[in-house]
Amino acid sequence: MSTPTLQEFNPKLIPWQYKAIKEINSFDYSTGINEILFSGSVGSAKSINGAHILARHLIENPNSRALVVRRALKDLKRTFWQLFLKHLSDTPELIKSYNKSEMKITLVNGSECIGDSYDDMNLEKFRSLELSMALIEEATESERELYDAIKMRVGRLPAIKQNIILAITNPDSPSHYLYNYFIESQSHNRKVVYSLTEQNPFLPPWYVQNLKNDLDPKMALRMLEGKWIEIAEEVIYWNFDMQRNYKDHSYQFDPRFPIDFMHDFNIGHNKPMSMAVGQFINGTYHVAKTILIEGASTSNIMDELADTGILDLQCPSFRVFGDATGKHKDTRNFRSDYDIIKQCLMSHRRKDNRPMNVVFEVPTANPHIRERHNLMNALFLNANNQTRFYIYKDAFDATKGFRLTKYKQGARLVEDDSTPKEQHVTTAVGYWCYRLETIKPIKKVVIS
């Protein structure tokens, strides 16, 4: 559904939303800050309820001040902040000014709402704020240090009696600080409000079924059933299974479909220049070949590709995918990696003398690392018990990357790039899969 405006919003249509608002209205604010965790599955309407609570706080408490944060500013702008602006769109008379560059909304009653990020973990910028409310969007992206820094700023406006911290998130690992702080710890001023996807009557009937196609079984327990369970085990791609996802024979390219090249550009010890070749056929990914050369340049790996004979195969087109940073100048050259790739492909003379049809499908920015990892685990086996990803004999290196890649010690969302060296080709494969999954016109091109 479209975003309901302030005057359209009716919390009684979704029971958990009404429960959350009652909790906020009935809390005894003389006892301290009302800390609330919205722990809900995807599509359960957490953010719009948070936007409504935020709006009511600013309207009903003149001269109040609220902070809205998310780790990356660009993510905040395109998600919650945009939703909040739409929610206020039918009450322009309440807004005195909006400074878009500073992400600051001032109401006619003197209340303010500020949007910001904490990706650089420069928490000093929050210490000058005096707040009556803080809202943390996608709170599992945060660390305890950020939460504590914000909490110290809430309650600094003595005239405002209603002081709230609202953390909004999908469930994560039980090892996350939010689980311990809100769910395991006992405190009268900390509450958890749970929500499930199925409780949102405004979602189309196909919504949950489509999500099951995109989620692995364990992630479905989190995202659809709202369970805080451990799935980030020792390795990142925990759902990859050699017996299910590996085929011990060479791949036969289908001439009716494009042949795809995927790249990850690296320089340094144990960080080889990495490339994979595959096909996307009727919703399934086939990784046919990998090429890893340590200390090589982009042109070296393209020469290696030409020697395989793949560039002489029949297909509608050759498509190039990979690391978005390759659009910048190559480390060893004044041209970008993709400029070099384009020149190598265009200068290749096919044995049949037919011209090469080349399409570049490189995004302006790489996907969020967690989204890429989650997608790959779902492709290995999703919640509908479907497998959409296979690796073949000539791409065996990729199986090592998917079996052995881990997170860096002490970092939740950073791959340990010290070992195995094959992880870089799996990153290239991940860029390929994510690009095709998120570009609908390409995904819909199916040849039967």
Protein backbone atom coordinates (compact mmCIF):
# COMPACT_ATOMS: atom_id res chain seq x y z
CA MET A 1 0.00 0.00 0.00
CA SER A 2 1.03 3.63 -0.31
CA THR A 3 2.35 5.36 2.80
CA PRO A 4 -0.59 6.53 4.97
CA THR A 5 -0.41 10.19 5.90
CA LEU A 6 -0.76 11.54 9.42
CA GLN A 7 -4.50 12.01 9.05
CA GLU A 8 -5.04 8.70 7.24
CA PHE A 9 -3.14 6.51 9.71
CA ASN A 10 -5.33 4.18 11.79
CA PRO A 11 -3.30 2.01 14.23
CA LYS A 12 -6.35 -0.12 15.11
CA LEU A 13 -6.14 -1.81 11.70
CA ILE A 14 -2.99 -3.66 12.80
CA PRO A 15 -3.27 -4.79 16.46
CA TRP A 16 0.43 -4.64 17.31
CA GLN A 17 0.60 -0.99 16.19
CA TYR A 18 -2.23 -0.05 18.52
CA LYS A 19 -0.55 -1.95 21.38
CA ALA A 20 2.69 -0.01 20.81
CA ILE A 21 0.93 3.37 20.86
CA LYS A 22 -0.97 2.44 24.03
CA GLU A 23 2.35 1.50 25.65
CA ILE A 24 3.80 4.91 24.83
CA ASN A 25 0.75 6.80 26.06
CA SER A 26 0.42 4.86 29.32
CA PHE A 27 4.09 4.91 30.35
CA ASP A 28 4.98 6.76 33.57
CA TYR A 29 7.57 9.23 32.26
CA SER A 30 8.39 10.42 35.75
CA THR A 31 10.40 7.18 36.12
CA GLY A 32 12.79 7.86 33.24
CA ILE A 33 13.18 7.22 29.52
CA ASN A 34 10.71 4.94 27.78
CA GLU A 35 12.91 2.57 25.76
CA ILE A 36 11.10 0.49 23.16
CA LEU A 37 12.30 -2.11 20.69
CA PHE A 38 10.14 -2.75 17.63
CA SER A 39 11.26 -6.30 16.83
CA GLY A 40 9.43 -7.38 13.73
CA SER A 41 9.55 -9.40 10.60
CA VAL A 42 9.89 -7.77 7.20
CA GLY A 43 6.77 -6.08 5.88
CA SER A 44 5.08 -5.90 9.28
CA ALA A 45 4.72 -2.08 9.09
CA LYS A 46 7.27 -1.22 11.80
CA SER A 47 8.64 1.91 10.14
CA ILE A 48 5.30 3.60 9.45
CA ASN A 49 4.28 3.07 13.08
CA GLY A 50 7.60 4.57 14.14
CA ALA A 51 7.04 7.53 11.83
CA HIS A 52 3.59 8.11 13.33
CA ILE A 53 4.88 7.93 16.91
CA LEU A 54 7.67 10.35 16.00
CA ALA A 55 5.23 12.79 14.41
CA ARG A 56 2.84 12.70 17.37
CA HIS A 57 5.71 13.28 19.79
CA LEU A 58 6.83 16.40 17.93
CA ILE A 59 3.30 17.75 17.54
CA GLU A 60 2.06 17.07 21.06
CA ASN A 61 5.22 18.26 22.82
CA PRO A 62 6.03 21.85 21.71
CA ASN A 63 9.77 22.65 21.58
CA SER A 64 10.67 18.96 21.64
CA ARG A 65 13.63 17.70 19.64
CA ALA A 66 14.04 14.27 18.01
CA LEU A 67 16.99 12.58 16.35
CA VAL A 68 16.56 9.92 13.65
CA VAL A 69 19.65 7.87 12.82
CA ARG A 70 20.76 5.00 10.63
CA ARG A 71 24.29 3.77 9.95
CA ALA A 72 24.49 5.10 6.36
CA LEU A 73 22.99 8.48 5.53
CA LYS A 74 22.05 7.46 1.99
CA ASP A 75 20.08 4.50 3.38
CA LEU A 76 18.28 6.72 5.88
CA LYS A 77 17.34 9.24 3.16
CA ARG A 78 15.84 6.65 0.85
CA THR A 79 13.96 4.69 3.54
CA PHE A 80 12.66 6.07 6.84
CA TRP A 81 13.29 9.77 6.16
CA GLN A 82 11.39 9.62 2.88
CA LEU A 83 8.56 7.71 4.57
CA PHE A 84 8.41 10.29 7.38
CA LEU A 85 8.15 13.19 4.94
CA LYS A 86 5.31 11.43 3.11
CA HIS A 87 3.56 10.83 6.44
CA LEU A 88 3.58 14.59 7.11
CA SER A 89 2.60 15.53 3.56
CA ASP A 90 -1.08 16.20 4.32
CA THR A 91 -0.31 18.59 7.20
CA PRO A 92 1.95 21.25 5.62
CA GLU A 93 0.51 23.85 7.99
CA LEU A 94 2.43 22.16 10.85
CA ILE A 95 5.83 22.64 9.21
CA LYS A 96 7.65 25.94 9.57
CA SER A 97 10.75 25.00 7.57
CA TYR A 98 12.65 22.07 6.10
CA ASN A 99 16.41 22.27 5.54
CA LYS A 100 17.01 19.39 3.12
CA SER A 101 20.82 19.57 3.17
CA GLU A 102 20.95 19.45 6.97
CA MET A 103 18.01 17.02 7.21
CA LYS A 104 16.25 19.25 9.73
CA ILE A 105 12.48 19.77 10.02
CA THR A 106 11.15 22.59 12.22
CA LEU A 107 7.49 22.68 13.20
CA VAL A 108 5.48 25.83 13.89
CA ASN A 109 5.29 24.82 17.58
CA GLY A 110 9.09 24.96 17.89
CA SER A 111 9.72 21.21 17.73
CA GLU A 112 12.62 19.93 15.61
CA CYS A 113 13.51 16.65 13.95
CA ILE A 114 17.07 15.96 12.80
CA GLY A 115 18.33 13.13 10.59
CA ASP A 116 21.90 11.85 10.79
CA SER A 117 24.19 8.81 10.41
CA TYR A 118 26.98 7.19 12.42
CA ASP A 119 28.94 5.24 9.81
CA ASP A 120 32.18 6.98 10.79
CA MET A 121 31.38 6.33 14.50
CA ASN A 122 32.10 9.98 15.23
CA LEU A 123 29.81 10.07 18.25
CA GLU A 124 31.07 13.47 19.39
CA LYS A 125 28.60 15.15 17.05
CA PHE A 126 25.68 13.77 19.09
CA ARG A 127 27.03 15.00 22.43
CA SER A 128 25.97 18.58 21.83
CA LEU A 129 22.34 17.59 21.25
CA GLU A 130 19.55 17.95 23.76
CA LEU A 131 16.83 15.48 22.85
CA SER A 132 13.43 14.33 23.98
CA MET A 133 13.26 11.43 21.49
CA ALA A 134 15.59 9.31 19.41
CA LEU A 135 14.66 6.80 16.73
CA ILE A 136 17.23 4.26 15.53
CA GLU A 137 16.24 2.76 12.18
CA GLU A 138 17.61 -0.72 11.35
CA ALA A 139 18.98 -0.83 14.87
CA THR A 140 20.87 -4.11 14.44
CA GLU A 141 23.32 -2.19 12.24
CA SER A 142 24.37 -0.29 15.38
CA GLU A 143 26.73 -1.06 18.25
CA ARG A 144 26.11 -0.59 21.96
CA GLU A 145 28.44 2.42 21.97
CA LEU A 146 26.11 4.28 19.61
CA TYR A 147 23.01 3.42 21.66
CA ASP A 148 24.63 4.58 24.90
CA ALA A 149 25.82 7.83 23.32
CA ILE A 150 22.31 8.64 22.13
CA LYS A 151 20.67 7.60 25.39
CA MET A 152 22.82 10.13 27.26
CA ARG A 153 21.31 12.91 25.13
CA VAL A 154 17.64 11.98 25.64
CA GLY A 155 15.98 13.68 28.62
CA ARG A 156 18.05 16.88 28.35
CA LEU A 157 14.98 19.07 27.74
CA PRO A 158 13.44 19.44 31.23
CA ALA A 159 10.26 21.04 29.90
CA ILE A 160 9.48 17.91 27.82
CA LYS A 161 8.10 15.17 30.05
CA GLN A 162 7.77 12.48 27.36
CA ASN A 163 11.23 11.03 26.65
CA ILE A 164 11.49 8.09 24.25
CA ILE A 165 14.10 5.93 22.54
CA LEU A 166 12.61 3.80 19.77
CA ALA A 167 14.79 1.14 18.14
CA ILE A 168 13.31 -0.40 14.98
CA THR A 169 14.73 -3.59 13.51
CA ASN A 170 14.30 -7.05 12.06
CA PRO A 171 15.52 -9.79 14.45
CA ASP A 172 19.20 -10.67 14.39
CA SER A 173 21.51 -12.98 16.32
CA PRO A 174 20.90 -13.55 20.05
CA SER A 175 24.50 -12.43 20.50
CA HIS A 176 23.55 -8.88 19.43
CA TYR A 177 23.56 -6.30 22.22
CA LEU A 178 19.89 -5.43 21.55
CA TYR A 179 18.81 -8.97 22.41
CA ASN A 180 20.62 -8.86 25.73
CA TYR A 181 19.58 -5.27 26.51
CA PHE A 182 15.90 -5.53 25.68
CA ILE A 183 14.92 -9.21 25.72
CA GLU A 184 17.12 -10.87 28.31
CA SER A 185 17.51 -7.99 30.76
CA GLN A 186 14.69 -7.01 33.11
CA SER A 187 13.80 -3.33 33.40
CA HIS A 188 10.49 -1.54 33.92
CA ASN A 189 11.31 1.07 31.27
CA ARG A 190 12.38 -1.31 28.49
CA LYS A 191 9.70 -2.96 26.37
CA VAL A 192 9.72 -5.14 23.28
CA VAL A 193 6.83 -4.97 20.83
CA TYR A 194 6.79 -7.86 18.37
CA SER A 195 5.24 -7.82 14.91
CA LEU A 196 4.81 -10.44 12.19
CA THR A 197 4.52 -10.08 8.44
CA GLU A 198 1.25 -12.01 8.38
CA GLN A 199 -0.35 -9.44 10.71
CA ASN A 200 -0.22 -6.75 8.02
CA PRO A 201 -3.53 -7.00 6.13
CA PHE A 202 -2.41 -4.50 3.48
CA LEU A 203 0.22 -6.79 1.94
CA PRO A 204 -0.73 -8.55 -1.32
CA PRO A 205 -1.33 -12.33 -1.09
CA TRP A 206 1.85 -13.15 -3.02
CA TYR A 207 4.17 -11.10 -0.79
CA VAL A 208 5.13 -13.79 1.73
CA GLN A 209 5.52 -16.44 -0.95
CA ASN A 210 7.91 -14.21 -2.89
CA LEU A 211 9.93 -13.54 0.25
CA LYS A 212 10.33 -17.27 0.81
CA ASN A 213 11.89 -17.47 -2.65
CA ASP A 214 14.50 -14.89 -1.61
CA LEU A 215 15.29 -16.17 1.90
CA ASP A 216 17.14 -19.24 3.10
CA PRO A 217 15.28 -21.38 5.69
CA LYS A 218 16.99 -19.91 8.76
CA MET A 219 16.73 -16.35 7.52
CA ALA A 220 13.02 -16.96 6.90
CA LEU A 221 12.62 -17.75 10.61
CA ARG A 222 14.00 -14.30 11.36
CA MET A 223 12.42 -12.25 8.62
CA LEU A 224 8.98 -13.90 8.48
CA GLU A 225 8.51 -15.35 11.96
CA GLY A 226 10.46 -12.71 13.87
CA LYS A 227 12.76 -15.11 15.72
CA TRP A 228 16.12 -14.05 17.16
CA ILE A 229 18.16 -17.08 16.11
CA GLU A 230 21.85 -17.64 15.39
CA ILE A 231 22.64 -18.12 11.71
CA ALA A 232 25.97 -16.32 11.33
CA GLU A 233 28.04 -19.39 12.13
CA GLU A 234 31.77 -19.84 11.58
CA VAL A 235 31.51 -19.20 7.85
CA ILE A 236 29.56 -16.54 5.97
CA TYR A 237 27.99 -18.77 3.34
CA TRP A 238 26.79 -21.38 5.81
CA ASN A 239 24.01 -22.59 3.50
CA PHE A 240 26.37 -23.67 0.68
CA ASP A 241 26.44 -27.45 0.33
CA MET A 242 28.83 -29.31 -1.97
CA GLN A 243 26.44 -32.20 -2.57
CA ARG A 244 23.59 -29.86 -3.46
CA ASN A 245 25.29 -26.87 -5.14
CA TYR A 246 28.32 -28.44 -6.90
CA LYS A 247 28.29 -30.52 -10.08
CA ASP A 248 31.44 -32.51 -10.81
CA HIS A 249 31.42 -32.05 -14.57
CA SER A 250 32.13 -29.25 -17.00
CA TYR A 251 29.31 -26.89 -17.88
CA GLN A 252 27.83 -26.85 -21.38
CA PHE A 253 26.95 -23.30 -22.39
CA ASP A 254 23.45 -22.80 -23.78
CA PRO A 255 23.72 -20.70 -26.99
CA ARG A 256 20.21 -19.24 -26.44
CA PHE A 257 21.27 -17.26 -23.35
CA PRO A 258 23.85 -14.54 -22.65
CA ILE A 259 27.26 -15.51 -21.28
CA ASP A 260 28.14 -13.45 -18.23
CA PHE A 261 31.56 -12.32 -16.96
CA MET A 262 31.93 -11.23 -13.35
CA HIS A 263 34.94 -9.44 -11.83
CA ASP A 264 36.56 -8.54 -8.54
CA PHE A 265 39.71 -6.42 -8.86
CA ASN A 266 42.53 -6.98 -6.37
CA ILE A 267 46.21 -6.33 -5.86
CA GLY A 268 48.34 -7.84 -3.12
CA HIS A 269 49.47 -11.09 -1.57
CA ASN A 270 46.74 -13.72 -1.40
CA LYS A 271 44.37 -11.34 -3.22
CA PRO A 272 44.35 -12.54 -6.82
CA MET A 273 42.67 -10.76 -9.70
CA SER A 274 39.48 -12.81 -9.89
CA MET A 275 36.93 -13.56 -12.56
CA ALA A 276 34.10 -16.04 -13.10
CA VAL A 277 32.03 -16.96 -16.14
CA GLY A 278 28.46 -18.20 -16.00
CA GLN A 279 24.91 -18.14 -17.30
CA PHE A 280 21.59 -17.13 -15.79
CA ILE A 281 18.87 -19.39 -17.18
CA ASN A 282 15.20 -19.32 -16.19
CA GLY A 283 15.93 -18.05 -12.69
CA THR A 284 18.93 -20.32 -11.98
CA TYR A 285 22.62 -19.34 -11.78
CA HIS A 286 25.32 -21.55 -13.32
CA VAL A 287 28.97 -20.74 -12.58
CA ALA A 288 30.92 -22.44 -15.36
CA LYS A 289 34.51 -21.28 -14.96
CA THR A 290 36.77 -19.26 -12.68
CA ILE A 291 40.05 -17.51 -13.44
CA LEU A 292 42.31 -16.40 -10.56
CA ILE A 293 45.75 -14.88 -11.23
CA GLU A 294 47.79 -13.46 -8.36
CA GLY A 295 49.69 -10.28 -9.19
CA ALA A 296 47.95 -9.97 -12.54
CA SER A 297 46.49 -6.92 -14.23
CA THR A 298 43.02 -6.63 -15.71
CA SER A 299 44.38 -7.11 -19.22
CA ASN A 300 46.21 -10.28 -18.10
CA ILE A 301 43.01 -11.88 -16.91
CA MET A 302 41.20 -10.90 -20.13
CA ASP A 303 44.01 -12.54 -22.15
CA GLU A 304 43.49 -15.68 -20.06
CA LEU A 305 39.75 -15.52 -20.83
CA ALA A 306 40.43 -15.23 -24.56
CA ASP A 307 42.63 -18.36 -24.42
CA THR A 308 39.71 -20.43 -23.09
CA GLY A 309 37.76 -20.06 -26.33
CA ILE A 310 34.67 -18.80 -24.50
CA LEU A 311 34.69 -15.54 -26.48
CA ASP A 312 34.13 -17.58 -29.66
CA LEU A 313 30.99 -19.34 -28.41
CA GLN A 314 27.56 -18.59 -29.85
CA CYS A 315 25.28 -16.52 -27.58
CA PRO A 316 22.97 -13.47 -27.85
CA SER A 317 25.41 -11.29 -25.92
CA PHE A 318 28.29 -11.17 -23.48
CA ARG A 319 27.45 -9.30 -20.28
CA VAL A 320 29.96 -7.80 -17.86
CA PHE A 321 29.28 -7.61 -14.09
CA GLY A 322 31.41 -6.90 -11.06
CA ASP A 323 32.87 -4.54 -8.52
CA ALA A 324 31.53 -1.00 -8.94
CA THR A 325 34.89 0.46 -7.89
CA GLY A 326 36.32 -0.87 -11.16
CA LYS A 327 34.79 2.15 -12.86
CA HIS A 328 37.55 4.22 -11.31
CA LYS A 329 41.13 4.36 -12.52
CA ASP A 330 42.90 0.99 -12.40
CA THR A 331 45.68 0.78 -9.82
CA ARG A 332 48.26 0.11 -12.51
CA ASN A 333 46.78 2.23 -15.27
CA PHE A 334 45.26 5.60 -16.13
CA ARG A 335 42.17 3.83 -17.52
CA SER A 336 39.48 2.16 -15.45
CA ASP A 337 39.28 -1.61 -15.16
CA TYR A 338 36.08 -1.61 -17.22
CA ASP A 339 37.68 0.57 -19.90
CA ILE A 340 40.38 -2.10 -20.19
CA ILE A 341 37.80 -4.91 -20.30
CA LYS A 342 35.81 -3.11 -22.99
CA GLN A 343 38.91 -2.58 -25.12
CA CYS A 344 39.94 -6.24 -24.78
CA LEU A 345 36.50 -7.52 -25.74
CA MET A 346 36.07 -5.13 -28.64
CA SER A 347 39.52 -5.91 -30.04
CA HIS A 348 38.93 -9.67 -29.94
CA ARG A 349 38.51 -11.24 -33.37
CA ARG A 350 36.07 -14.12 -33.24
CA LYS A 351 36.81 -17.19 -35.35
CA ASP A 352 33.53 -16.75 -37.22
CA ASN A 353 34.27 -13.01 -37.71
CA ARG A 354 30.91 -12.08 -36.20
CA PRO A 355 30.89 -8.88 -34.12
CA MET A 356 30.66 -9.18 -30.34
CA ASN A 357 27.54 -7.90 -28.62
CA VAL A 358 28.75 -6.68 -25.21
CA VAL A 359 26.56 -5.25 -22.44
CA PHE A 360 27.97 -3.72 -19.25
CA GLU A 361 25.78 -4.28 -16.17
CA VAL A 362 27.89 -2.62 -13.49
CA PRO A 363 26.01 -0.60 -10.82
CA THR A 364 27.05 2.80 -9.54
CA ALA A 365 27.67 1.31 -6.07
CA ASN A 366 28.22 -2.15 -4.63
CA PRO A 367 25.39 -3.78 -2.66
CA HIS A 368 25.36 -3.77 1.12
CA ILE A 369 27.57 -6.67 2.20
CA ARG A 370 24.89 -8.26 4.40
CA GLU A 371 22.32 -8.12 1.59
CA ARG A 372 24.76 -9.86 -0.73
CA HIS A 373 25.52 -12.59 1.81
CA ASN A 374 21.84 -13.15 2.58
CA LEU A 375 20.98 -13.39 -1.10
CA MET A 376 23.65 -16.00 -1.80
CA ASN A 377 22.52 -18.18 1.12
CA ALA A 378 18.96 -18.01 -0.23
CA LEU A 379 20.07 -19.00 -3.73
CA PHE A 380 21.82 -22.10 -2.36
CA LEU A 381 18.49 -23.20 -0.84
CA ASN A 382 15.51 -21.00 -0.05
CA ALA A 383 12.58 -21.34 2.33
CA ASN A 384 10.50 -22.92 -0.46
CA ASN A 385 13.12 -25.69 -0.68
CA GLN A 386 14.33 -24.45 -4.08
CA THR A 387 17.96 -24.46 -5.25
CA ARG A 388 18.82 -21.73 -7.77
CA PHE A 389 22.63 -21.86 -7.82
CA TYR A 390 25.18 -24.37 -9.13
CA ILE A 391 28.97 -24.42 -9.54
CA TYR A 392 30.66 -26.69 -12.08
CA LYS A 393 33.98 -28.51 -12.27
CA ASP A 394 35.94 -25.78 -14.07
CA ALA A 395 34.88 -23.29 -11.39
CA PHE A 396 35.92 -25.42 -8.42
CA ASP A 397 37.84 -22.48 -6.90
CA ALA A 398 34.51 -20.82 -6.17
CA THR A 399 33.47 -23.70 -3.93
CA LYS A 400 36.47 -22.99 -1.69
CA GLY A 401 35.42 -19.36 -1.33
CA PHE A 402 31.84 -20.26 -0.44
CA ARG A 403 32.93 -22.97 2.01
CA LEU A 404 35.70 -21.10 3.83
CA THR A 405 35.10 -17.33 3.83
CA LYS A 406 34.61 -15.91 7.33
CA TYR A 407 33.96 -12.56 8.94
CA LYS A 408 36.95 -10.66 10.24
CA GLN A 409 37.37 -11.24 13.96
CA GLY A 410 35.48 -8.62 15.92
CA ALA A 411 33.73 -7.22 12.83
CA ARG A 412 30.16 -8.28 12.10
CA LEU A 413 29.97 -7.13 8.48
CA VAL A 414 33.56 -7.21 7.22
CA GLU A 415 34.94 -10.23 5.40
CA ASP A 416 38.32 -11.54 6.53
CA ASP A 417 40.16 -11.08 3.24
CA SER A 418 43.37 -12.72 4.47
CA THR A 419 42.13 -16.24 3.64
CA PRO A 420 41.02 -18.04 1.57
CA LYS A 421 42.27 -16.38 -1.58
CA GLU A 422 39.27 -17.82 -3.45
CA GLN A 423 36.85 -15.58 -1.55
CA HIS A 424 37.42 -12.78 -4.06
CA VAL A 425 35.90 -14.76 -6.91
CA THR A 426 32.87 -15.55 -4.73
CA THR A 427 32.51 -11.80 -4.17
CA ALA A 428 32.46 -11.34 -7.95
CA VAL A 429 29.79 -14.03 -8.24
CA GLY A 430 27.79 -12.29 -5.50
CA TYR A 431 27.87 -9.00 -7.45
CA TRP A 432 26.52 -10.86 -10.49
CA CYS A 433 23.67 -12.53 -8.64
CA TYR A 434 22.67 -9.37 -6.78
CA ARG A 435 22.63 -7.30 -9.97
CA LEU A 436 20.41 -9.78 -11.79
CA GLU A 437 18.08 -10.19 -8.84
CA THR A 438 17.55 -6.44 -8.56
CA ILE A 439 17.17 -5.52 -12.24
CA LYS A 440 13.69 -6.74 -13.09
CA PRO A 441 13.82 -6.18 -16.88
CA ILE A 442 16.82 -8.53 -17.12
CA LYS A 443 15.28 -11.06 -14.76
CA LYS A 444 12.13 -11.26 -16.88
CA VAL A 445 13.98 -12.19 -20.08
CA VAL A 446 13.30 -15.95 -20.15
CA ILE A 447 13.79 -18.19 -23.18
CA SER A 448 11.97 -21.49 -23.03
